[in-house]
Amino acid sequence: MLPPYGRRCGQDASRSLRCPLMTTPQYQQYPQGVSDKSKVVAGILGILLGFFGAGRFYMGDTKTGVLQLVVSVVTCGAGALWGTIDGILILVNGGVDGQGRPLRD
């Protein structure tokens, strides 16, 4: 059913607009759901085993995990700092798994 000509968003005869608030229900925020991977485990793995990219491999982000490993090997271990910082950021901010779902707490 279309509104009468000239009326928009619940506009009544007095021409005042009455628009409902547009909110997103909680269940639609993440249509795929929350990951089965834990951000605490991913963060700890990133901090302790950052040289190997273990946190990213755990999360399912294989591409970044391989990059962390290669950078660490090429820089003779200095690249492990990337994995350590990444692990701290995952603990503080959270992250997403390989399918784009947010990590659970």
PDB file of N, CA and C in Angstrom:
ATOM      1  N   MET A   1       0.826  -1.164   0.000  1.00  0.00           N
ATOM      2  CA  MET A   1       0.000   0.000   0.000  1.00  0.00           C
ATOM      3  C   MET A   1       0.883   1.244   0.000  1.00  0.00           C
ATOM      4  N   LEU A   2       0.704   2.101  -0.954  1.00  0.00           N
ATOM      5  CA  LEU A   2       1.502   3.299  -1.080  1.00  0.00           C
ATOM      6  C   LEU A   2       0.838   4.466  -0.357  1.00  0.00           C
ATOM      7  N   PRO A   3       1.647   5.353   0.243  1.00  0.00           N
ATOM      8  CA  PRO A   3       1.063   6.520   0.914  1.00  0.00           C
ATOM      9  C   PRO A   3       0.471   7.478  -0.117  1.00  0.00           C
ATOM     10  N   PRO A   4      -0.485   8.293   0.292  1.00  0.00           N
ATOM     11  CA  PRO A   4      -1.059   9.279  -0.625  1.00  0.00           C
ATOM     12  C   PRO A   4       0.010  10.232  -1.133  1.00  0.00           C
ATOM     13  N   TYR A   5      -0.212  10.780  -2.313  1.00  0.00           N
ATOM     14  CA  TYR A   5       0.748  11.697  -2.935  1.00  0.00           C
ATOM     15  C   TYR A   5       1.058  12.870  -2.005  1.00  0.00           C
ATOM     16  N   GLY A   6       2.329  13.190  -1.853  1.00  0.00           N
ATOM     17  CA  GLY A   6       2.744  14.325  -1.049  1.00  0.00           C
ATOM     18  C   GLY A   6       3.075  13.979   0.397  1.00  0.00           C
ATOM     19  N   ARG A   7       2.760  12.786   0.838  1.00  0.00           N
ATOM     20  CA  ARG A   7       3.076  12.403   2.219  1.00  0.00           C
ATOM     21  C   ARG A   7       4.304  11.502   2.224  1.00  0.00           C
ATOM     22  N   ARG A   8       5.154  11.716   3.223  1.00  0.00           N
ATOM     23  CA  ARG A   8       6.363  10.912   3.322  1.00  0.00           C
ATOM     24  C   ARG A   8       6.569  10.471   4.754  1.00  0.00           C
ATOM     25  N   CYS A   9       7.004   9.291   4.937  1.00  0.00           N
ATOM     26  CA  CYS A   9       7.461   8.777   6.226  1.00  0.00           C
ATOM     27  C   CYS A   9       6.478   9.082   7.354  1.00  0.00           C
ATOM     28  N   GLY A  10       5.254   8.716   7.181  1.00  0.00           N
ATOM     29  CA  GLY A  10       4.279   8.884   8.244  1.00  0.00           C
ATOM     30  C   GLY A  10       3.772  10.295   8.404  1.00  0.00           C
ATOM     31  N   GLN A  11       3.869  11.097   7.357  1.00  0.00           N
ATOM     32  CA  GLN A  11       3.417  12.492   7.436  1.00  0.00           C
ATOM     33  C   GLN A  11       1.890  12.516   7.524  1.00  0.00           C
ATOM     34  N   ASP A  12       1.384  13.166   8.531  1.00  0.00           N
ATOM     35  CA  ASP A  12      -0.062  13.215   8.701  1.00  0.00           C
ATOM     36  C   ASP A  12      -0.635  14.465   8.033  1.00  0.00           C
ATOM     37  N   ALA A  13      -1.913  14.712   8.238  1.00  0.00           N
ATOM     38  CA  ALA A  13      -2.600  15.825   7.579  1.00  0.00           C
ATOM     39  C   ALA A  13      -2.028  17.179   7.967  1.00  0.00           C
ATOM     40  N   SER A  14      -1.425  17.300   9.151  1.00  0.00           N
ATOM     41  CA  SER A  14      -0.854  18.580   9.575  1.00  0.00           C
ATOM     42  C   SER A  14       0.549  18.791   9.009  1.00  0.00           C
ATOM     43  N   ARG A  15       0.988  17.887   8.166  1.00  0.00           N
ATOM     44  CA  ARG A  15       2.292  17.940   7.495  1.00  0.00           C
ATOM     45  C   ARG A  15       3.479  17.806   8.451  1.00  0.00           C
ATOM     46  N   SER A  16       3.292  17.256   9.638  1.00  0.00           N
ATOM     47  CA  SER A  16       4.421  17.005  10.532  1.00  0.00           C
ATOM     48  C   SER A  16       4.908  15.575  10.283  1.00  0.00           C
ATOM     49  N   LEU A  17       6.193  15.418  10.252  1.00  0.00           N
ATOM     50  CA  LEU A  17       6.770  14.101   9.983  1.00  0.00           C
ATOM     51  C   LEU A  17       6.850  13.285  11.257  1.00  0.00           C
ATOM     52  N   ARG A  18       6.422  12.074  11.178  1.00  0.00           N
ATOM     53  CA  ARG A  18       6.533  11.153  12.308  1.00  0.00           C
ATOM     54  C   ARG A  18       7.198   9.884  11.805  1.00  0.00           C
ATOM     55  N   CYS A  19       8.511   9.858  11.862  1.00  0.00           N
ATOM     56  CA  CYS A  19       9.271   8.724  11.357  1.00  0.00           C
ATOM     57  C   CYS A  19       9.757   7.878  12.524  1.00  0.00           C
ATOM     58  N   PRO A  20       9.551   6.571  12.461  1.00  0.00           N
ATOM     59  CA  PRO A  20      10.079   5.716  13.521  1.00  0.00           C
ATOM     60  C   PRO A  20      11.596   5.633  13.415  1.00  0.00           C
ATOM     61  N   LEU A  21      12.236   5.422  14.543  1.00  0.00           N
ATOM     62  CA  LEU A  21      13.683   5.250  14.548  1.00  0.00           C
ATOM     63  C   LEU A  21      14.048   3.969  13.833  1.00  0.00           C
ATOM     64  N   MET A  22      15.065   4.045  13.015  1.00  0.00           N
ATOM     65  CA  MET A  22      15.531   2.867  12.288  1.00  0.00           C
ATOM     66  C   MET A  22      16.657   2.229  13.090  1.00  0.00           C
ATOM     67  N   THR A  23      16.392   1.121  13.690  1.00  0.00           N
ATOM     68  CA  THR A  23      17.405   0.425  14.464  1.00  0.00           C
ATOM     69  C   THR A  23      17.582  -0.976  13.915  1.00  0.00           C
ATOM     70  N   THR A  24      18.768  -1.512  14.105  1.00  0.00           N
ATOM     71  CA  THR A  24      19.059  -2.862  13.658  1.00  0.00           C
ATOM     72  C   THR A  24      18.938  -3.789  14.853  1.00  0.00           C
ATOM     73  N   PRO A  25      18.096  -4.814  14.762  1.00  0.00           N
ATOM     74  CA  PRO A  25      18.001  -5.761  15.870  1.00  0.00           C
ATOM     75  C   PRO A  25      19.339  -6.451  16.104  1.00  0.00           C
ATOM     76  N   GLN A  26      19.579  -6.910  17.306  1.00  0.00           N
ATOM     77  CA  GLN A  26      20.844  -7.529  17.686  1.00  0.00           C
ATOM     78  C   GLN A  26      21.180  -8.734  16.807  1.00  0.00           C
ATOM     79  N   TYR A  27      20.172  -9.526  16.465  1.00  0.00           N
ATOM     80  CA  TYR A  27      20.453 -10.734  15.708  1.00  0.00           C
ATOM     81  C   TYR A  27      20.851 -10.439  14.271  1.00  0.00           C
ATOM     82  N   GLN A  28      20.585  -9.252  13.753  1.00  0.00           N
ATOM     83  CA  GLN A  28      20.967  -8.924  12.396  1.00  0.00           C
ATOM     84  C   GLN A  28      22.329  -8.253  12.319  1.00  0.00           C
ATOM     85  N   GLN A  29      22.918  -7.926  13.448  1.00  0.00           N
ATOM     86  CA  GLN A  29      24.208  -7.266  13.440  1.00  0.00           C
ATOM     87  C   GLN A  29      25.272  -8.175  12.832  1.00  0.00           C
ATOM     88  N   TYR A  30      25.269  -9.439  13.177  1.00  0.00           N
ATOM     89  CA  TYR A  30      26.190 -10.420  12.622  1.00  0.00           C
ATOM     90  C   TYR A  30      25.359 -11.569  12.058  1.00  0.00           C
ATOM     91  N   PRO A  31      24.956 -11.482  10.797  1.00  0.00           N
ATOM     92  CA  PRO A  31      24.068 -12.501  10.249  1.00  0.00           C
ATOM     93  C   PRO A  31      24.688 -13.894  10.249  1.00  0.00           C
ATOM     94  N   GLN A  32      26.002 -13.986  10.190  1.00  0.00           N
ATOM     95  CA  GLN A  32      26.657 -15.282  10.174  1.00  0.00           C
ATOM     96  C   GLN A  32      26.886 -15.821  11.583  1.00  0.00           C
ATOM     97  N   GLY A  33      26.665 -15.016  12.598  1.00  0.00           N
ATOM     98  CA  GLY A  33      26.894 -15.440  13.972  1.00  0.00           C
ATOM     99  C   GLY A  33      28.287 -15.089  14.438  1.00  0.00           C
ATOM    100  N   VAL A  34      28.591 -15.539  15.618  1.00  0.00           N
ATOM    101  CA  VAL A  34      29.897 -15.275  16.222  1.00  0.00           C
ATOM    102  C   VAL A  34      30.783 -16.490  15.992  1.00  0.00           C
ATOM    103  N   SER A  35      32.062 -16.261  15.842  1.00  0.00           N
ATOM    104  CA  SER A  35      33.024 -17.326  15.574  1.00  0.00           C
ATOM    105  C   SER A  35      33.121 -18.295  16.746  1.00  0.00           C
ATOM    106  N   ASP A  36      33.553 -19.500  16.441  1.00  0.00           N
ATOM    107  CA  ASP A  36      33.811 -20.468  17.505  1.00  0.00           C
ATOM    108  C   ASP A  36      35.232 -20.311  18.059  1.00  0.00           C
ATOM    109  N   LYS A  37      36.005 -19.409  17.483  1.00  0.00           N
ATOM    110  CA  LYS A  37      37.372 -19.143  17.945  1.00  0.00           C
ATOM    111  C   LYS A  37      37.350 -18.062  19.023  1.00  0.00           C
ATOM    112  N   SER A  38      38.256 -18.180  19.995  1.00  0.00           N
ATOM    113  CA  SER A  38      38.324 -17.247  21.122  1.00  0.00           C
ATOM    114  C   SER A  38      39.373 -16.173  20.867  1.00  0.00           C
ATOM    115  N   LYS A  39      39.028 -14.914  21.195  1.00  0.00           N
ATOM    116  CA  LYS A  39      40.006 -13.847  21.019  1.00  0.00           C
ATOM    117  C   LYS A  39      41.130 -13.945  22.047  1.00  0.00           C
ATOM    118  N   VAL A  40      40.843 -14.530  23.214  1.00  0.00           N
ATOM    119  CA  VAL A  40      41.887 -14.695  24.238  1.00  0.00           C
ATOM    120  C   VAL A  40      42.941 -15.691  23.753  1.00  0.00           C
ATOM    121  N   VAL A  41      42.493 -16.807  23.205  1.00  0.00           N
ATOM    122  CA  VAL A  41      43.440 -17.813  22.707  1.00  0.00           C
ATOM    123  C   VAL A  41      44.240 -17.250  21.536  1.00  0.00           C
ATOM    124  N   ALA A  42      43.567 -16.550  20.612  1.00  0.00           N
ATOM    125  CA  ALA A  42      44.258 -15.967  19.457  1.00  0.00           C
ATOM    126  C   ALA A  42      45.281 -14.927  19.908  1.00  0.00           C
ATOM    127  N   GLY A  43      44.935 -14.115  20.895  1.00  0.00           N
ATOM    128  CA  GLY A  43      45.859 -13.098  21.386  1.00  0.00           C
ATOM    129  C   GLY A  43      47.068 -13.694  22.077  1.00  0.00           C
ATOM    130  N   ILE A  44      46.840 -14.701  22.922  1.00  0.00           N
ATOM    131  CA  ILE A  44      47.958 -15.354  23.631  1.00  0.00           C
ATOM    132  C   ILE A  44      48.879 -16.067  22.644  1.00  0.00           C
ATOM    133  N   LEU A  45      48.289 -16.746  21.658  1.00  0.00           N
ATOM    134  CA  LEU A  45      49.117 -17.402  20.637  1.00  0.00           C
ATOM    135  C   LEU A  45      49.929 -16.367  19.855  1.00  0.00           C
ATOM    136  N   GLY A  46      49.317 -15.226  19.560  1.00  0.00           N
ATOM    137  CA  GLY A  46      50.033 -14.175  18.849  1.00  0.00           C
ATOM    138  C   GLY A  46      51.191 -13.616  19.654  1.00  0.00           C
ATOM    139  N   ILE A  47      50.985 -13.469  20.949  1.00  0.00           N
ATOM    140  CA  ILE A  47      52.045 -12.924  21.797  1.00  0.00           C
ATOM    141  C   ILE A  47      53.171 -13.939  21.985  1.00  0.00           C
ATOM    142  N   LEU A  48      52.816 -15.173  22.313  1.00  0.00           N
ATOM    143  CA  LEU A  48      53.837 -16.182  22.623  1.00  0.00           C
ATOM    144  C   LEU A  48      54.490 -16.785  21.383  1.00  0.00           C
ATOM    145  N   LEU A  49      53.717 -16.986  20.327  1.00  0.00           N
ATOM    146  CA  LEU A  49      54.234 -17.641  19.125  1.00  0.00           C
ATOM    147  C   LEU A  49      54.096 -16.747  17.904  1.00  0.00           C
ATOM    148  N   GLY A  50      54.295 -15.454  18.094  1.00  0.00           N
ATOM    149  CA  GLY A  50      54.155 -14.496  17.008  1.00  0.00           C
ATOM    150  C   GLY A  50      55.126 -14.739  15.871  1.00  0.00           C
ATOM    151  N   PHE A  51      56.284 -15.309  16.165  1.00  0.00           N
ATOM    152  CA  PHE A  51      57.273 -15.625  15.135  1.00  0.00           C
ATOM    153  C   PHE A  51      56.669 -16.527  14.071  1.00  0.00           C
ATOM    154  N   PHE A  52      55.842 -17.475  14.490  1.00  0.00           N
ATOM    155  CA  PHE A  52      55.261 -18.458  13.570  1.00  0.00           C
ATOM    156  C   PHE A  52      53.905 -18.035  13.000  1.00  0.00           C
ATOM    157  N   GLY A  53      53.357 -16.909  13.437  1.00  0.00           N
ATOM    158  CA  GLY A  53      52.034 -16.478  12.987  1.00  0.00           C
ATOM    159  C   GLY A  53      50.924 -17.360  13.520  1.00  0.00           C
ATOM    160  N   ALA A  54      51.164 -17.980  14.678  1.00  0.00           N
ATOM    161  CA  ALA A  54      50.233 -18.970  15.222  1.00  0.00           C
ATOM    162  C   ALA A  54      48.851 -18.397  15.517  1.00  0.00           C
ATOM    163  N   GLY A  55      48.781 -17.164  15.980  1.00  0.00           N
ATOM    164  CA  GLY A  55      47.490 -16.545  16.275  1.00  0.00           C
ATOM    165  C   GLY A  55      46.638 -16.414  15.027  1.00  0.00           C
ATOM    166  N   ARG A  56      47.251 -16.011  13.933  1.00  0.00           N
ATOM    167  CA  ARG A  56      46.523 -15.867  12.669  1.00  0.00           C
ATOM    168  C   ARG A  56      46.136 -17.222  12.084  1.00  0.00           C
ATOM    169  N   PHE A  57      47.010 -18.209  12.213  1.00  0.00           N
ATOM    170  CA  PHE A  57      46.642 -19.549  11.751  1.00  0.00           C
ATOM    171  C   PHE A  57      45.459 -20.086  12.557  1.00  0.00           C
ATOM    172  N   TYR A  58      45.456 -19.848  13.857  1.00  0.00           N
ATOM    173  CA  TYR A  58      44.350 -20.282  14.712  1.00  0.00           C
ATOM    174  C   TYR A  58      43.035 -19.635  14.278  1.00  0.00           C
ATOM    175  N   MET A  59      43.088 -18.349  13.923  1.00  0.00           N
ATOM    176  CA  MET A  59      41.883 -17.625  13.530  1.00  0.00           C
ATOM    177  C   MET A  59      41.396 -18.018  12.139  1.00  0.00           C
ATOM    178  N   GLY A  60      42.204 -18.716  11.382  1.00  0.00           N
ATOM    179  CA  GLY A  60      41.825 -19.108  10.036  1.00  0.00           C
ATOM    180  C   GLY A  60      42.306 -18.134   8.974  1.00  0.00           C
ATOM    181  N   ASP A  61      43.105 -17.163   9.365  1.00  0.00           N
ATOM    182  CA  ASP A  61      43.651 -16.176   8.430  1.00  0.00           C
ATOM    183  C   ASP A  61      45.024 -16.664   7.977  1.00  0.00           C
ATOM    184  N   THR A  62      45.026 -17.643   7.087  1.00  0.00           N
ATOM    185  CA  THR A  62      46.250 -18.315   6.671  1.00  0.00           C
ATOM    186  C   THR A  62      47.194 -17.377   5.935  1.00  0.00           C
ATOM    187  N   LYS A  63      46.652 -16.504   5.116  1.00  0.00           N
ATOM    188  CA  LYS A  63      47.486 -15.593   4.326  1.00  0.00           C
ATOM    189  C   LYS A  63      48.343 -14.708   5.230  1.00  0.00           C
ATOM    190  N   THR A  64      47.739 -14.092   6.232  1.00  0.00           N
ATOM    191  CA  THR A  64      48.499 -13.238   7.143  1.00  0.00           C
ATOM    192  C   THR A  64      49.446 -14.062   8.006  1.00  0.00           C
ATOM    193  N   GLY A  65      49.038 -15.280   8.387  1.00  0.00           N
ATOM    194  CA  GLY A  65      49.913 -16.150   9.161  1.00  0.00           C
ATOM    195  C   GLY A  65      51.180 -16.501   8.407  1.00  0.00           C
ATOM    196  N   VAL A  66      51.046 -16.807   7.118  1.00  0.00           N
ATOM    197  CA  VAL A  66      52.219 -17.115   6.292  1.00  0.00           C
ATOM    198  C   VAL A  66      53.094 -15.878   6.141  1.00  0.00           C
ATOM    199  N   LEU A  67      52.469 -14.708   5.957  1.00  0.00           N
ATOM    200  CA  LEU A  67      53.248 -13.469   5.854  1.00  0.00           C
ATOM    201  C   LEU A  67      54.039 -13.191   7.134  1.00  0.00           C
ATOM    202  N   GLN A  68      53.416 -13.409   8.297  1.00  0.00           N
ATOM    203  CA  GLN A  68      54.133 -13.205   9.558  1.00  0.00           C
ATOM    204  C   GLN A  68      55.312 -14.163   9.673  1.00  0.00           C
ATOM    205  N   LEU A  69      55.120 -15.398   9.269  1.00  0.00           N
ATOM    206  CA  LEU A  69      56.195 -16.382   9.319  1.00  0.00           C
ATOM    207  C   LEU A  69      57.327 -16.002   8.375  1.00  0.00           C
ATOM    208  N   VAL A  70      57.006 -15.629   7.148  1.00  0.00           N
ATOM    209  CA  VAL A  70      58.036 -15.272   6.160  1.00  0.00           C
ATOM    210  C   VAL A  70      58.803 -14.021   6.600  1.00  0.00           C
ATOM    211  N   VAL A  71      58.091 -13.005   7.075  1.00  0.00           N
ATOM    212  CA  VAL A  71      58.765 -11.780   7.523  1.00  0.00           C
ATOM    213  C   VAL A  71      59.679 -12.082   8.706  1.00  0.00           C
ATOM    214  N   SER A  72      59.254 -12.951   9.603  1.00  0.00           N
ATOM    215  CA  SER A  72      60.090 -13.301  10.755  1.00  0.00           C
ATOM    216  C   SER A  72      61.349 -14.038  10.327  1.00  0.00           C
ATOM    217  N   VAL A  73      61.226 -14.937   9.356  1.00  0.00           N
ATOM    218  CA  VAL A  73      62.395 -15.686   8.886  1.00  0.00           C
ATOM    219  C   VAL A  73      63.345 -14.765   8.125  1.00  0.00           C
ATOM    220  N   VAL A  74      62.810 -13.928   7.245  1.00  0.00           N
ATOM    221  CA  VAL A  74      63.643 -13.045   6.426  1.00  0.00           C
ATOM    222  C   VAL A  74      64.383 -12.023   7.297  1.00  0.00           C
ATOM    223  N   THR A  75      63.733 -11.542   8.351  1.00  0.00           N
ATOM    224  CA  THR A  75      64.370 -10.533   9.207  1.00  0.00           C
ATOM    225  C   THR A  75      65.117 -11.166  10.380  1.00  0.00           C
ATOM    226  N   CYS A  76      65.356 -12.456  10.337  1.00  0.00           N
ATOM    227  CA  CYS A  76      66.089 -13.188  11.372  1.00  0.00           C
ATOM    228  C   CYS A  76      65.460 -13.010  12.754  1.00  0.00           C
ATOM    229  N   GLY A  77      64.146 -13.026  12.818  1.00  0.00           N
ATOM    230  CA  GLY A  77      63.444 -12.987  14.094  1.00  0.00           C
ATOM    231  C   GLY A  77      62.876 -11.637  14.478  1.00  0.00           C
ATOM    232  N   ALA A  78      63.341 -10.563  13.849  1.00  0.00           N
ATOM    233  CA  ALA A  78      62.836  -9.232  14.212  1.00  0.00           C
ATOM    234  C   ALA A  78      61.366  -9.071  13.818  1.00  0.00           C
ATOM    235  N   GLY A  79      60.923  -9.815  12.830  1.00  0.00           N
ATOM    236  CA  GLY A  79      59.533  -9.748  12.392  1.00  0.00           C
ATOM    237  C   GLY A  79      58.561 -10.342  13.395  1.00  0.00           C
ATOM    238  N   ALA A  80      59.070 -11.047  14.407  1.00  0.00           N
ATOM    239  CA  ALA A  80      58.205 -11.603  15.452  1.00  0.00           C
ATOM    240  C   ALA A  80      57.525 -10.498  16.239  1.00  0.00           C
ATOM    241  N   LEU A  81      58.075  -9.305  16.186  1.00  0.00           N
ATOM    242  CA  LEU A  81      57.450  -8.163  16.846  1.00  0.00           C
ATOM    243  C   LEU A  81      56.065  -7.890  16.259  1.00  0.00           C
ATOM    244  N   TRP A  82      55.902  -8.121  14.951  1.00  0.00           N
ATOM    245  CA  TRP A  82      54.606  -7.960  14.297  1.00  0.00           C
ATOM    246  C   TRP A  82      53.573  -8.881  14.932  1.00  0.00           C
ATOM    247  N   GLY A  83      53.931 -10.145  15.125  1.00  0.00           N
ATOM    248  CA  GLY A  83      53.011 -11.095  15.745  1.00  0.00           C
ATOM    249  C   GLY A  83      52.675 -10.745  17.175  1.00  0.00           C
ATOM    250  N   THR A  84      53.653 -10.229  17.909  1.00  0.00           N
ATOM    251  CA  THR A  84      53.421  -9.836  19.304  1.00  0.00           C
ATOM    252  C   THR A  84      52.452  -8.652  19.386  1.00  0.00           C
ATOM    253  N   ILE A  85      52.693  -7.645  18.562  1.00  0.00           N
ATOM    254  CA  ILE A  85      51.802  -6.481  18.546  1.00  0.00           C
ATOM    255  C   ILE A  85      50.411  -6.891  18.066  1.00  0.00           C
ATOM    256  N   ASP A  86      50.355  -7.762  17.070  1.00  0.00           N
ATOM    257  CA  ASP A  86      49.077  -8.263  16.559  1.00  0.00           C
ATOM    258  C   ASP A  86      48.306  -8.989  17.656  1.00  0.00           C
ATOM    259  N   GLY A  87      48.999  -9.792  18.449  1.00  0.00           N
ATOM    260  CA  GLY A  87      48.350 -10.506  19.551  1.00  0.00           C
ATOM    261  C   GLY A  87      47.784  -9.556  20.593  1.00  0.00           C
ATOM    262  N   ILE A  88      48.523  -8.502  20.908  1.00  0.00           N
ATOM    263  CA  ILE A  88      48.039  -7.513  21.875  1.00  0.00           C
ATOM    264  C   ILE A  88      46.808  -6.798  21.331  1.00  0.00           C
ATOM    265  N   LEU A  89      46.835  -6.430  20.062  1.00  0.00           N
ATOM    266  CA  LEU A  89      45.687  -5.749  19.453  1.00  0.00           C
ATOM    267  C   LEU A  89      44.451  -6.652  19.403  1.00  0.00           C
ATOM    268  N   ILE A  90      44.650  -7.929  19.176  1.00  0.00           N
ATOM    269  CA  ILE A  90      43.519  -8.861  19.174  1.00  0.00           C
ATOM    270  C   ILE A  90      42.912  -8.943  20.569  1.00  0.00           C
ATOM    271  N   LEU A  91      43.755  -8.974  21.595  1.00  0.00           N
ATOM    272  CA  LEU A  91      43.233  -9.014  22.957  1.00  0.00           C
ATOM    273  C   LEU A  91      42.469  -7.742  23.317  1.00  0.00           C
ATOM    274  N   VAL A  92      42.959  -6.608  22.871  1.00  0.00           N
ATOM    275  CA  VAL A  92      42.342  -5.331  23.228  1.00  0.00           C
ATOM    276  C   VAL A  92      41.103  -5.052  22.384  1.00  0.00           C
ATOM    277  N   ASN A  93      41.217  -5.185  21.069  1.00  0.00           N
ATOM    278  CA  ASN A  93      40.144  -4.786  20.157  1.00  0.00           C
ATOM    279  C   ASN A  93      39.297  -5.934  19.643  1.00  0.00           C
ATOM    280  N   GLY A  94      39.746  -7.158  19.814  1.00  0.00           N
ATOM    281  CA  GLY A  94      39.043  -8.277  19.191  1.00  0.00           C
ATOM    282  C   GLY A  94      39.499  -8.413  17.758  1.00  0.00           C
ATOM    283  N   GLY A  95      38.761  -9.162  17.000  1.00  0.00           N
ATOM    284  CA  GLY A  95      39.120  -9.372  15.603  1.00  0.00           C
ATOM    285  C   GLY A  95      38.080 -10.252  14.943  1.00  0.00           C
ATOM    286  N   VAL A  96      38.372 -10.667  13.724  1.00  0.00           N
ATOM    287  CA  VAL A  96      37.465 -11.544  12.988  1.00  0.00           C
ATOM    288  C   VAL A  96      38.224 -12.783  12.549  1.00  0.00           C
ATOM    289  N   ASP A  97      37.482 -13.875  12.392  1.00  0.00           N
ATOM    290  CA  ASP A  97      38.114 -15.114  11.945  1.00  0.00           C
ATOM    291  C   ASP A  97      38.213 -15.131  10.425  1.00  0.00           C
ATOM    292  N   GLY A  98      38.601 -16.251   9.857  1.00  0.00           N
ATOM    293  CA  GLY A  98      38.790 -16.376   8.424  1.00  0.00           C
ATOM    294  C   GLY A  98      37.512 -16.181   7.621  1.00  0.00           C
ATOM    295  N   GLN A  99      36.352 -16.388   8.227  1.00  0.00           N
ATOM    296  CA  GLN A  99      35.065 -16.207   7.535  1.00  0.00           C
ATOM    297  C   GLN A  99      34.474 -14.818   7.779  1.00  0.00           C
ATOM    298  N   GLY A 100      35.175 -13.952   8.487  1.00  0.00           N
ATOM    299  CA  GLY A 100      34.697 -12.608   8.732  1.00  0.00           C
ATOM    300  C   GLY A 100      33.778 -12.466   9.933  1.00  0.00           C
ATOM    301  N   ARG A 101      33.655 -13.531  10.738  1.00  0.00           N
ATOM    302  CA  ARG A 101      32.821 -13.467  11.936  1.00  0.00           C
ATOM    303  C   ARG A 101      33.632 -12.945  13.116  1.00  0.00           C
ATOM    304  N   PRO A 102      33.034 -12.150  13.993  1.00  0.00           N
ATOM    305  CA  PRO A 102      33.790 -11.633  15.137  1.00  0.00           C
ATOM    306  C   PRO A 102      34.158 -12.752  16.105  1.00  0.00           C
ATOM    307  N   LEU A 103      35.364 -12.653  16.681  1.00  0.00           N
ATOM    308  CA  LEU A 103      35.807 -13.641  17.662  1.00  0.00           C
ATOM    309  C   LEU A 103      35.007 -13.526  18.935  1.00  0.00           C
ATOM    310  N   ARG A 104      34.768 -14.659  19.569  1.00  0.00           N
ATOM    311  CA  ARG A 104      34.020 -14.632  20.828  1.00  0.00           C
ATOM    312  C   ARG A 104      34.963 -14.237  21.956  1.00  0.00           C
ATOM    313  N   ASP A 105      34.384 -13.727  23.029  1.00  0.00           N
ATOM    314  CA  ASP A 105      35.182 -13.302  24.188  1.00  0.00           C
ATOM    315  C   ASP A 105      35.689 -14.474  24.995  1.00  0.00           C
TER     316      ASP A 105
END
